[in-house]
Amino acid sequence: MMEDLSLHIMDIVTNSVRAGAKHVSIAIEKDEKTSMMRLEISDDGHGMDADMAMKVQDPFFSTKTGRKVGLGIPLLKGTAETTGGSFSLRSTKGVGTSIRATFDSRHPDLPPLGNIRDTFFVLIVSHPEVDFDLRYAADGKDFLLDTAEWRNELEGVPLNHPEVIGFLSKYLDEHL
């Protein structure tokens, strides 16, 4: 298992960007009534055929040269299933990929979510060319951020411009 779920998010989004994604959607929802947590990450990257989509769920397979194992997706799948949840990966070559994992938030083996504020911050600043739709609904909060809207408002100023970084940091502090 990874130390926390935010590391899974970073790993999957890194894979999305490597696959040419220009738009990534991340949704995290915790329902205290049902004790279920859902994580969904979708992208418009190169996508995979059905055979490759099955292979990437195998810990002894990797698409990266020089590595014989790829643990990100298999570990997320194992965590979801171990905690009484589910995992699905859907991908279409030339269209993109969607990963959905659910977890029983009361399960003792569920790692913490981690610092989602810093995760969102690093993703946006590290990949200013990617449009992110971010949603975090938990603990009475319903946070939404669409970087495409910000990009339109900024009229050509990049999302990793120092002044934008400062504003983004304060914005996330206030809303997450």
N, C-alpha and C. Protein backbone atom coordinates (compact mmCIF):
# COMPACT_ATOMS: atom_id res chain seq x y z
N MET A 1 0.83 -1.18 0.00
CA MET A 1 0.00 0.00 0.00
C MET A 1 0.88 1.24 0.00
N MET A 2 0.35 2.29 -0.62
CA MET A 2 1.05 3.58 -0.54
C MET A 2 0.67 4.23 0.78
N GLU A 3 1.52 5.13 1.22
CA GLU A 3 1.35 5.77 2.51
C GLU A 3 -0.01 6.46 2.66
N ASP A 4 -0.46 7.13 1.61
CA ASP A 4 -1.79 7.74 1.64
C ASP A 4 -2.37 7.79 0.23
N LEU A 5 -3.66 8.05 0.14
CA LEU A 5 -4.35 8.01 -1.15
C LEU A 5 -3.92 9.14 -2.07
N SER A 6 -3.47 10.26 -1.51
CA SER A 6 -3.03 11.36 -2.37
C SER A 6 -1.83 10.95 -3.23
N LEU A 7 -1.01 10.02 -2.75
CA LEU A 7 0.11 9.52 -3.55
C LEU A 7 -0.39 8.72 -4.74
N HIS A 8 -1.49 7.99 -4.56
CA HIS A 8 -2.12 7.29 -5.69
C HIS A 8 -2.59 8.30 -6.74
N ILE A 9 -3.19 9.38 -6.26
CA ILE A 9 -3.68 10.41 -7.18
C ILE A 9 -2.51 10.98 -7.99
N MET A 10 -1.43 11.31 -7.31
CA MET A 10 -0.25 11.85 -8.00
C MET A 10 0.28 10.87 -9.04
N ASP A 11 0.35 9.60 -8.69
CA ASP A 11 0.87 8.58 -9.58
C ASP A 11 -0.02 8.44 -10.82
N ILE A 12 -1.31 8.36 -10.62
CA ILE A 12 -2.23 8.17 -11.75
C ILE A 12 -2.23 9.39 -12.65
N VAL A 13 -2.23 10.59 -12.08
CA VAL A 13 -2.23 11.80 -12.90
C VAL A 13 -0.91 11.92 -13.67
N THR A 14 0.19 11.53 -13.06
CA THR A 14 1.47 11.51 -13.78
C THR A 14 1.38 10.60 -14.99
N ASN A 15 0.77 9.44 -14.82
CA ASN A 15 0.56 8.53 -15.94
C ASN A 15 -0.34 9.16 -17.00
N SER A 16 -1.37 9.88 -16.57
CA SER A 16 -2.27 10.54 -17.51
C SER A 16 -1.52 11.57 -18.36
N VAL A 17 -0.69 12.36 -17.71
CA VAL A 17 0.07 13.39 -18.42
C VAL A 17 1.05 12.73 -19.39
N ARG A 18 1.71 11.65 -18.95
CA ARG A 18 2.61 10.92 -19.85
C ARG A 18 1.86 10.37 -21.06
N ALA A 19 0.57 10.08 -20.88
CA ALA A 19 -0.25 9.54 -21.97
C ALA A 19 -0.87 10.66 -22.81
N GLY A 20 -0.39 11.89 -22.63
CA GLY A 20 -0.82 12.98 -23.48
C GLY A 20 -2.10 13.68 -23.05
N ALA A 21 -2.55 13.46 -21.83
CA ALA A 21 -3.80 14.09 -21.38
C ALA A 21 -3.65 15.60 -21.34
N LYS A 22 -4.66 16.28 -21.83
CA LYS A 22 -4.75 17.74 -21.74
C LYS A 22 -5.85 18.15 -20.77
N HIS A 23 -6.66 17.18 -20.35
CA HIS A 23 -7.74 17.43 -19.40
C HIS A 23 -7.81 16.24 -18.44
N VAL A 24 -7.76 16.54 -17.14
CA VAL A 24 -7.85 15.50 -16.12
C VAL A 24 -8.92 15.93 -15.11
N SER A 25 -9.78 15.01 -14.79
CA SER A 25 -10.83 15.25 -13.80
C SER A 25 -10.58 14.35 -12.59
N ILE A 26 -10.60 14.97 -11.40
CA ILE A 26 -10.40 14.23 -10.16
C ILE A 26 -11.58 14.53 -9.25
N ALA A 27 -12.25 13.50 -8.79
CA ALA A 27 -13.37 13.67 -7.86
C ALA A 27 -13.13 12.78 -6.65
N ILE A 28 -13.25 13.38 -5.48
CA ILE A 28 -13.14 12.66 -4.21
C ILE A 28 -14.39 12.98 -3.42
N GLU A 29 -15.14 11.95 -3.06
CA GLU A 29 -16.36 12.15 -2.28
C GLU A 29 -16.39 11.20 -1.12
N LYS A 30 -16.66 11.75 0.06
CA LYS A 30 -16.83 10.94 1.26
C LYS A 30 -18.26 11.10 1.73
N ASP A 31 -18.93 9.98 1.91
CA ASP A 31 -20.31 10.01 2.41
C ASP A 31 -20.30 9.43 3.82
N GLU A 32 -20.44 10.30 4.81
CA GLU A 32 -20.40 9.87 6.21
C GLU A 32 -21.57 8.96 6.56
N LYS A 33 -22.71 9.12 5.90
CA LYS A 33 -23.89 8.29 6.20
C LYS A 33 -23.66 6.83 5.82
N THR A 34 -23.02 6.63 4.66
CA THR A 34 -22.80 5.25 4.19
C THR A 34 -21.38 4.77 4.47
N SER A 35 -20.51 5.65 4.97
CA SER A 35 -19.10 5.34 5.23
C SER A 35 -18.35 4.93 3.97
N MET A 36 -18.80 5.41 2.84
CA MET A 36 -18.11 5.10 1.59
C MET A 36 -17.36 6.33 1.09
N MET A 37 -16.22 6.08 0.53
CA MET A 37 -15.44 7.13 -0.10
C MET A 37 -15.20 6.70 -1.54
N ARG A 38 -15.33 7.66 -2.45
CA ARG A 38 -15.14 7.38 -3.87
C ARG A 38 -14.04 8.28 -4.42
N LEU A 39 -13.17 7.70 -5.21
CA LEU A 39 -12.12 8.41 -5.91
C LEU A 39 -12.28 8.09 -7.39
N GLU A 40 -12.38 9.14 -8.20
CA GLU A 40 -12.49 8.92 -9.64
C GLU A 40 -11.54 9.87 -10.35
N ILE A 41 -10.76 9.31 -11.26
CA ILE A 41 -9.81 10.09 -12.05
C ILE A 41 -10.04 9.72 -13.51
N SER A 42 -10.32 10.74 -14.33
CA SER A 42 -10.56 10.53 -15.76
C SER A 42 -9.66 11.46 -16.55
N ASP A 43 -9.24 10.99 -17.72
CA ASP A 43 -8.40 11.83 -18.57
C ASP A 43 -8.75 11.64 -20.04
N ASP A 44 -8.22 12.53 -20.86
CA ASP A 44 -8.41 12.44 -22.31
C ASP A 44 -7.10 12.07 -23.00
N GLY A 45 -6.29 11.28 -22.33
CA GLY A 45 -5.00 10.85 -22.88
C GLY A 45 -5.18 9.84 -24.00
N HIS A 46 -4.10 9.17 -24.34
CA HIS A 46 -4.10 8.23 -25.46
C HIS A 46 -5.03 7.04 -25.26
N GLY A 47 -5.31 6.71 -24.02
CA GLY A 47 -6.16 5.55 -23.75
C GLY A 47 -5.45 4.24 -24.03
N MET A 48 -6.13 3.15 -23.74
CA MET A 48 -5.55 1.82 -23.91
C MET A 48 -6.58 0.89 -24.52
N ASP A 49 -6.09 -0.13 -25.21
CA ASP A 49 -7.02 -1.16 -25.67
C ASP A 49 -7.34 -2.07 -24.47
N ALA A 50 -8.30 -2.96 -24.64
CA ALA A 50 -8.77 -3.80 -23.54
C ALA A 50 -7.65 -4.66 -22.95
N ASP A 51 -6.77 -5.19 -23.80
CA ASP A 51 -5.68 -6.03 -23.32
C ASP A 51 -4.73 -5.23 -22.42
N MET A 52 -4.35 -4.04 -22.86
CA MET A 52 -3.45 -3.20 -22.06
C MET A 52 -4.13 -2.77 -20.76
N ALA A 53 -5.42 -2.46 -20.80
CA ALA A 53 -6.15 -2.04 -19.60
C ALA A 53 -6.14 -3.15 -18.55
N MET A 54 -6.16 -4.40 -18.98
CA MET A 54 -6.06 -5.52 -18.03
C MET A 54 -4.62 -5.67 -17.52
N LYS A 55 -3.65 -5.53 -18.40
CA LYS A 55 -2.25 -5.71 -18.01
C LYS A 55 -1.79 -4.68 -16.97
N VAL A 56 -2.24 -3.43 -17.08
CA VAL A 56 -1.75 -2.40 -16.15
C VAL A 56 -2.26 -2.65 -14.73
N GLN A 57 -3.22 -3.56 -14.56
CA GLN A 57 -3.70 -3.91 -13.23
C GLN A 57 -2.86 -5.01 -12.60
N ASP A 58 -1.91 -5.54 -13.34
CA ASP A 58 -1.00 -6.59 -12.88
C ASP A 58 0.27 -5.93 -12.32
N PRO A 59 0.63 -6.22 -11.06
CA PRO A 59 1.81 -5.57 -10.48
C PRO A 59 3.12 -5.95 -11.16
N PHE A 60 3.14 -7.01 -11.95
CA PHE A 60 4.38 -7.44 -12.59
C PHE A 60 4.47 -6.97 -14.03
N PHE A 61 3.69 -5.94 -14.36
CA PHE A 61 3.70 -5.36 -15.69
C PHE A 61 3.95 -3.87 -15.57
N SER A 62 4.73 -3.33 -16.49
CA SER A 62 4.95 -1.89 -16.51
C SER A 62 5.11 -1.43 -17.94
N THR A 63 4.58 -0.27 -18.24
CA THR A 63 4.76 0.32 -19.57
C THR A 63 6.02 1.17 -19.62
N LYS A 64 6.63 1.40 -18.48
CA LYS A 64 7.82 2.25 -18.42
C LYS A 64 9.06 1.42 -18.77
N THR A 65 9.90 1.95 -19.65
CA THR A 65 11.11 1.23 -20.00
C THR A 65 12.07 1.22 -18.82
N GLY A 66 12.75 0.09 -18.67
CA GLY A 66 13.71 -0.03 -17.57
C GLY A 66 13.11 -0.52 -16.28
N ARG A 67 11.78 -0.66 -16.22
CA ARG A 67 11.13 -1.16 -15.01
C ARG A 67 10.31 -2.39 -15.36
N LYS A 68 10.39 -3.38 -14.51
CA LYS A 68 9.66 -4.62 -14.76
C LYS A 68 8.34 -4.68 -14.01
N VAL A 69 8.12 -3.75 -13.11
CA VAL A 69 6.87 -3.74 -12.34
C VAL A 69 6.27 -2.34 -12.36
N GLY A 70 4.96 -2.31 -12.27
CA GLY A 70 4.23 -1.05 -12.17
C GLY A 70 3.21 -1.22 -11.05
N LEU A 71 3.44 -0.58 -9.94
CA LEU A 71 2.63 -0.87 -8.76
C LEU A 71 1.49 0.11 -8.48
N GLY A 72 1.47 1.27 -9.12
CA GLY A 72 0.49 2.29 -8.78
C GLY A 72 -0.96 1.80 -8.88
N ILE A 73 -1.36 1.38 -10.05
CA ILE A 73 -2.74 0.93 -10.25
C ILE A 73 -3.03 -0.35 -9.48
N PRO A 74 -2.16 -1.38 -9.52
CA PRO A 74 -2.44 -2.58 -8.72
C PRO A 74 -2.57 -2.30 -7.22
N LEU A 75 -1.75 -1.40 -6.69
CA LEU A 75 -1.86 -1.07 -5.26
C LEU A 75 -3.17 -0.36 -4.94
N LEU A 76 -3.60 0.55 -5.81
CA LEU A 76 -4.88 1.22 -5.59
C LEU A 76 -6.02 0.21 -5.66
N LYS A 77 -5.98 -0.67 -6.63
CA LYS A 77 -7.00 -1.71 -6.75
C LYS A 77 -7.02 -2.59 -5.50
N GLY A 78 -5.84 -3.01 -5.04
CA GLY A 78 -5.76 -3.84 -3.85
C GLY A 78 -6.28 -3.14 -2.61
N THR A 79 -5.98 -1.86 -2.48
CA THR A 79 -6.46 -1.08 -1.34
C THR A 79 -7.98 -1.00 -1.36
N ALA A 80 -8.54 -0.70 -2.53
CA ALA A 80 -10.00 -0.59 -2.65
C ALA A 80 -10.66 -1.91 -2.27
N GLU A 81 -10.18 -3.00 -2.82
CA GLU A 81 -10.80 -4.30 -2.57
C GLU A 81 -10.58 -4.77 -1.14
N THR A 82 -9.40 -4.51 -0.57
CA THR A 82 -9.11 -4.90 0.81
C THR A 82 -10.03 -4.18 1.79
N THR A 83 -10.39 -2.95 1.47
CA THR A 83 -11.21 -2.16 2.39
C THR A 83 -12.71 -2.32 2.14
N GLY A 84 -13.09 -3.33 1.38
CA GLY A 84 -14.51 -3.58 1.14
C GLY A 84 -15.10 -2.73 0.04
N GLY A 85 -14.26 -2.14 -0.78
CA GLY A 85 -14.74 -1.30 -1.87
C GLY A 85 -14.60 -2.01 -3.20
N SER A 86 -14.51 -1.21 -4.24
CA SER A 86 -14.41 -1.76 -5.59
C SER A 86 -13.45 -0.94 -6.42
N PHE A 87 -13.08 -1.48 -7.56
CA PHE A 87 -12.16 -0.82 -8.46
C PHE A 87 -12.58 -1.09 -9.89
N SER A 88 -12.54 -0.07 -10.72
CA SER A 88 -12.77 -0.28 -12.15
C SER A 88 -11.86 0.64 -12.94
N LEU A 89 -11.42 0.14 -14.07
CA LEU A 89 -10.61 0.91 -15.00
C LEU A 89 -11.24 0.73 -16.36
N ARG A 90 -11.62 1.85 -16.97
CA ARG A 90 -12.19 1.83 -18.31
C ARG A 90 -11.31 2.70 -19.18
N SER A 91 -11.01 2.19 -20.36
CA SER A 91 -10.16 2.96 -21.25
C SER A 91 -10.52 2.66 -22.69
N THR A 92 -10.42 3.67 -23.51
CA THR A 92 -10.64 3.52 -24.94
C THR A 92 -9.47 4.17 -25.66
N LYS A 93 -8.84 3.39 -26.51
CA LYS A 93 -7.69 3.90 -27.25
C LYS A 93 -8.11 5.13 -28.05
N GLY A 94 -7.33 6.19 -27.92
CA GLY A 94 -7.62 7.43 -28.63
C GLY A 94 -8.63 8.33 -27.96
N VAL A 95 -9.20 7.88 -26.82
CA VAL A 95 -10.24 8.67 -26.14
C VAL A 95 -9.81 9.04 -24.72
N GLY A 96 -9.30 8.09 -23.96
CA GLY A 96 -8.88 8.37 -22.59
C GLY A 96 -9.16 7.22 -21.65
N THR A 97 -8.92 7.49 -20.38
CA THR A 97 -9.02 6.47 -19.34
C THR A 97 -9.76 7.02 -18.14
N SER A 98 -10.53 6.15 -17.48
CA SER A 98 -11.23 6.51 -16.26
C SER A 98 -11.00 5.42 -15.23
N ILE A 99 -10.57 5.84 -14.05
CA ILE A 99 -10.34 4.93 -12.93
C ILE A 99 -11.28 5.33 -11.81
N ARG A 100 -11.95 4.33 -11.26
CA ARG A 100 -12.87 4.60 -10.15
C ARG A 100 -12.59 3.58 -9.05
N ALA A 101 -12.39 4.09 -7.84
CA ALA A 101 -12.17 3.22 -6.68
C ALA A 101 -13.08 3.68 -5.55
N THR A 102 -13.69 2.72 -4.88
CA THR A 102 -14.48 3.03 -3.71
C THR A 102 -13.87 2.31 -2.52
N PHE A 103 -14.09 2.89 -1.34
CA PHE A 103 -13.50 2.36 -0.11
C PHE A 103 -14.52 2.48 1.01
N ASP A 104 -14.48 1.54 1.95
CA ASP A 104 -15.24 1.69 3.20
C ASP A 104 -14.36 2.55 4.11
N SER A 105 -14.81 3.76 4.37
CA SER A 105 -13.97 4.70 5.12
C SER A 105 -13.76 4.30 6.58
N ARG A 106 -14.51 3.30 7.07
CA ARG A 106 -14.31 2.83 8.45
C ARG A 106 -13.30 1.70 8.54
N HIS A 107 -12.90 1.17 7.40
CA HIS A 107 -12.01 0.00 7.40
C HIS A 107 -10.65 0.38 7.97
N PRO A 108 -10.11 -0.44 8.88
CA PRO A 108 -8.82 -0.10 9.51
C PRO A 108 -7.64 -0.11 8.54
N ASP A 109 -7.76 -0.78 7.39
CA ASP A 109 -6.66 -0.82 6.44
C ASP A 109 -6.69 0.30 5.41
N LEU A 110 -7.69 1.18 5.51
CA LEU A 110 -7.74 2.30 4.57
C LEU A 110 -6.70 3.34 4.97
N PRO A 111 -5.75 3.62 4.06
CA PRO A 111 -4.77 4.66 4.40
C PRO A 111 -5.46 6.02 4.43
N PRO A 112 -4.85 6.99 5.10
CA PRO A 112 -5.46 8.32 5.12
C PRO A 112 -5.48 8.92 3.71
N LEU A 113 -6.36 9.88 3.51
CA LEU A 113 -6.43 10.57 2.22
C LEU A 113 -5.14 11.33 1.97
N GLY A 114 -4.55 11.87 2.99
CA GLY A 114 -3.33 12.65 2.83
C GLY A 114 -3.66 14.12 2.64
N ASN A 115 -2.69 14.87 2.27
CA ASN A 115 -2.84 16.32 2.13
C ASN A 115 -3.36 16.64 0.73
N ILE A 116 -4.67 16.65 0.60
CA ILE A 116 -5.29 16.86 -0.71
C ILE A 116 -5.06 18.28 -1.21
N ARG A 117 -4.93 19.23 -0.30
CA ARG A 117 -4.65 20.62 -0.69
C ARG A 117 -3.32 20.70 -1.42
N ASP A 118 -2.28 20.11 -0.84
CA ASP A 118 -0.97 20.14 -1.46
C ASP A 118 -0.94 19.31 -2.75
N THR A 119 -1.68 18.23 -2.77
CA THR A 119 -1.76 17.39 -3.98
C THR A 119 -2.32 18.19 -5.13
N PHE A 120 -3.46 18.87 -4.91
CA PHE A 120 -4.05 19.69 -5.97
C PHE A 120 -3.09 20.80 -6.39
N PHE A 121 -2.46 21.43 -5.42
CA PHE A 121 -1.53 22.52 -5.70
C PHE A 121 -0.39 22.05 -6.59
N VAL A 122 0.26 20.96 -6.21
CA VAL A 122 1.40 20.45 -6.97
C VAL A 122 0.98 20.04 -8.38
N LEU A 123 -0.16 19.40 -8.51
CA LEU A 123 -0.62 18.99 -9.84
C LEU A 123 -0.82 20.19 -10.76
N ILE A 124 -1.48 21.22 -10.27
CA ILE A 124 -1.77 22.40 -11.08
C ILE A 124 -0.48 23.12 -11.46
N VAL A 125 0.40 23.34 -10.50
CA VAL A 125 1.63 24.10 -10.74
C VAL A 125 2.61 23.29 -11.60
N SER A 126 2.65 21.97 -11.40
CA SER A 126 3.59 21.13 -12.15
C SER A 126 3.14 20.88 -13.58
N HIS A 127 1.84 21.00 -13.83
CA HIS A 127 1.31 20.71 -15.17
C HIS A 127 0.40 21.86 -15.62
N PRO A 128 0.98 23.04 -15.81
CA PRO A 128 0.15 24.20 -16.15
C PRO A 128 -0.53 24.09 -17.51
N GLU A 129 -0.05 23.18 -18.34
CA GLU A 129 -0.64 22.99 -19.67
C GLU A 129 -1.88 22.10 -19.63
N VAL A 130 -2.14 21.47 -18.50
CA VAL A 130 -3.27 20.54 -18.35
C VAL A 130 -4.43 21.27 -17.67
N ASP A 131 -5.64 21.04 -18.19
CA ASP A 131 -6.84 21.55 -17.53
C ASP A 131 -7.29 20.52 -16.50
N PHE A 132 -7.48 20.97 -15.27
CA PHE A 132 -7.94 20.09 -14.20
C PHE A 132 -9.33 20.50 -13.75
N ASP A 133 -10.20 19.51 -13.63
CA ASP A 133 -11.48 19.67 -12.92
C ASP A 133 -11.29 18.94 -11.61
N LEU A 134 -11.32 19.67 -10.51
CA LEU A 134 -11.08 19.09 -9.20
C LEU A 134 -12.33 19.22 -8.35
N ARG A 135 -12.71 18.11 -7.71
CA ARG A 135 -13.86 18.15 -6.80
C ARG A 135 -13.50 17.37 -5.55
N TYR A 136 -13.79 18.00 -4.41
CA TYR A 136 -13.59 17.36 -3.13
C TYR A 136 -14.85 17.64 -2.31
N ALA A 137 -15.59 16.58 -2.02
CA ALA A 137 -16.82 16.72 -1.25
C ALA A 137 -16.71 15.82 -0.02
N ALA A 138 -16.51 16.47 1.13
CA ALA A 138 -16.38 15.73 2.39
C ALA A 138 -16.39 16.71 3.54
N ASP A 139 -16.73 16.19 4.71
CA ASP A 139 -16.65 16.98 5.93
C ASP A 139 -17.40 18.31 5.82
N GLY A 140 -18.54 18.28 5.12
CA GLY A 140 -19.34 19.49 4.96
C GLY A 140 -18.82 20.47 3.92
N LYS A 141 -17.77 20.10 3.22
CA LYS A 141 -17.21 20.95 2.17
C LYS A 141 -17.59 20.39 0.81
N ASP A 142 -17.78 21.26 -0.12
CA ASP A 142 -17.97 20.85 -1.51
C ASP A 142 -17.13 21.80 -2.36
N PHE A 143 -15.89 21.41 -2.58
CA PHE A 143 -14.91 22.23 -3.27
C PHE A 143 -14.89 21.85 -4.74
N LEU A 144 -14.96 22.86 -5.61
CA LEU A 144 -14.85 22.66 -7.05
C LEU A 144 -13.84 23.65 -7.60
N LEU A 145 -12.99 23.19 -8.49
CA LEU A 145 -12.03 24.07 -9.15
C LEU A 145 -11.85 23.59 -10.57
N ASP A 146 -12.03 24.48 -11.52
CA ASP A 146 -11.84 24.19 -12.94
C ASP A 146 -10.75 25.12 -13.45
N THR A 147 -9.57 24.58 -13.71
CA THR A 147 -8.46 25.44 -14.12
C THR A 147 -8.68 26.02 -15.51
N ALA A 148 -9.53 25.43 -16.33
CA ALA A 148 -9.84 26.02 -17.64
C ALA A 148 -10.52 27.37 -17.45
N GLU A 149 -11.39 27.48 -16.47
CA GLU A 149 -12.04 28.76 -16.17
C GLU A 149 -11.00 29.77 -15.71
N TRP A 150 -10.08 29.34 -14.86
CA TRP A 150 -9.02 30.24 -14.40
C TRP A 150 -8.17 30.70 -15.58
N ARG A 151 -7.84 29.76 -16.46
CA ARG A 151 -7.01 30.07 -17.62
C ARG A 151 -7.69 31.16 -18.48
N ASN A 152 -9.00 31.05 -18.67
CA ASN A 152 -9.73 32.06 -19.44
C ASN A 152 -9.66 33.42 -18.77
N GLU A 153 -9.83 33.44 -17.45
CA GLU A 153 -9.77 34.70 -16.71
C GLU A 153 -8.38 35.31 -16.73
N LEU A 154 -7.36 34.48 -16.77
CA LEU A 154 -5.98 34.97 -16.71
C LEU A 154 -5.46 35.48 -18.06
N GLU A 155 -6.20 35.22 -19.12
CA GLU A 155 -5.89 35.74 -20.45
C GLU A 155 -4.42 35.57 -20.83
N GLY A 156 -3.95 34.34 -20.79
CA GLY A 156 -2.59 34.05 -21.25
C GLY A 156 -1.53 33.98 -20.17
N VAL A 157 -1.83 34.43 -18.96
CA VAL A 157 -0.87 34.30 -17.87
C VAL A 157 -0.87 32.84 -17.44
N PRO A 158 0.28 32.17 -17.42
CA PRO A 158 0.30 30.74 -17.08
C PRO A 158 -0.05 30.47 -15.62
N LEU A 159 -0.60 29.28 -15.40
CA LEU A 159 -1.00 28.89 -14.04
C LEU A 159 0.20 28.75 -13.10
N ASN A 160 1.40 28.63 -13.64
CA ASN A 160 2.57 28.54 -12.77
C ASN A 160 3.35 29.86 -12.70
N HIS A 161 2.70 30.95 -13.06
CA HIS A 161 3.29 32.29 -12.88
C HIS A 161 3.35 32.55 -11.38
N PRO A 162 4.42 33.16 -10.87
CA PRO A 162 4.56 33.35 -9.42
C PRO A 162 3.34 34.01 -8.75
N GLU A 163 2.74 35.01 -9.37
CA GLU A 163 1.58 35.66 -8.76
C GLU A 163 0.37 34.73 -8.73
N VAL A 164 0.21 33.93 -9.77
CA VAL A 164 -0.90 32.97 -9.80
C VAL A 164 -0.66 31.89 -8.76
N ILE A 165 0.58 31.44 -8.62
CA ILE A 165 0.91 30.43 -7.61
C ILE A 165 0.55 30.95 -6.22
N GLY A 166 0.89 32.19 -5.93
CA GLY A 166 0.56 32.78 -4.63
C GLY A 166 -0.94 32.84 -4.41
N PHE A 167 -1.67 33.26 -5.44
CA PHE A 167 -3.13 33.33 -5.32
C PHE A 167 -3.72 31.93 -5.15
N LEU A 168 -3.25 30.97 -5.95
CA LEU A 168 -3.73 29.60 -5.86
C LEU A 168 -3.50 29.03 -4.47
N SER A 169 -2.33 29.27 -3.92
CA SER A 169 -2.01 28.77 -2.58
C SER A 169 -3.00 29.30 -1.55
N LYS A 170 -3.24 30.61 -1.57
CA LYS A 170 -4.20 31.21 -0.64
C LYS A 170 -5.62 30.69 -0.88
N TYR A 171 -5.99 30.56 -2.14
CA TYR A 171 -7.33 30.07 -2.49
C TYR A 171 -7.56 28.66 -1.92
N LEU A 172 -6.58 27.79 -2.12
CA LEU A 172 -6.71 26.42 -1.60
C LEU A 172 -6.73 26.40 -0.08
N ASP A 173 -5.91 27.26 0.55
CA ASP A 173 -5.92 27.35 2.01
C ASP A 173 -7.30 27.73 2.53
N GLU A 174 -7.95 28.65 1.87
CA GLU A 174 -9.26 29.15 2.30
C GLU A 174 -10.40 28.19 2.00
N HIS A 175 -10.27 27.36 0.98
CA HIS A 175 -11.40 26.55 0.54
C HIS A 175 -11.28 25.05 0.80
N LEU A 176 -10.10 24.60 1.17
CA LEU A 176 -9.95 23.15 1.45
C LEU A 176 -9.63 22.93 2.91
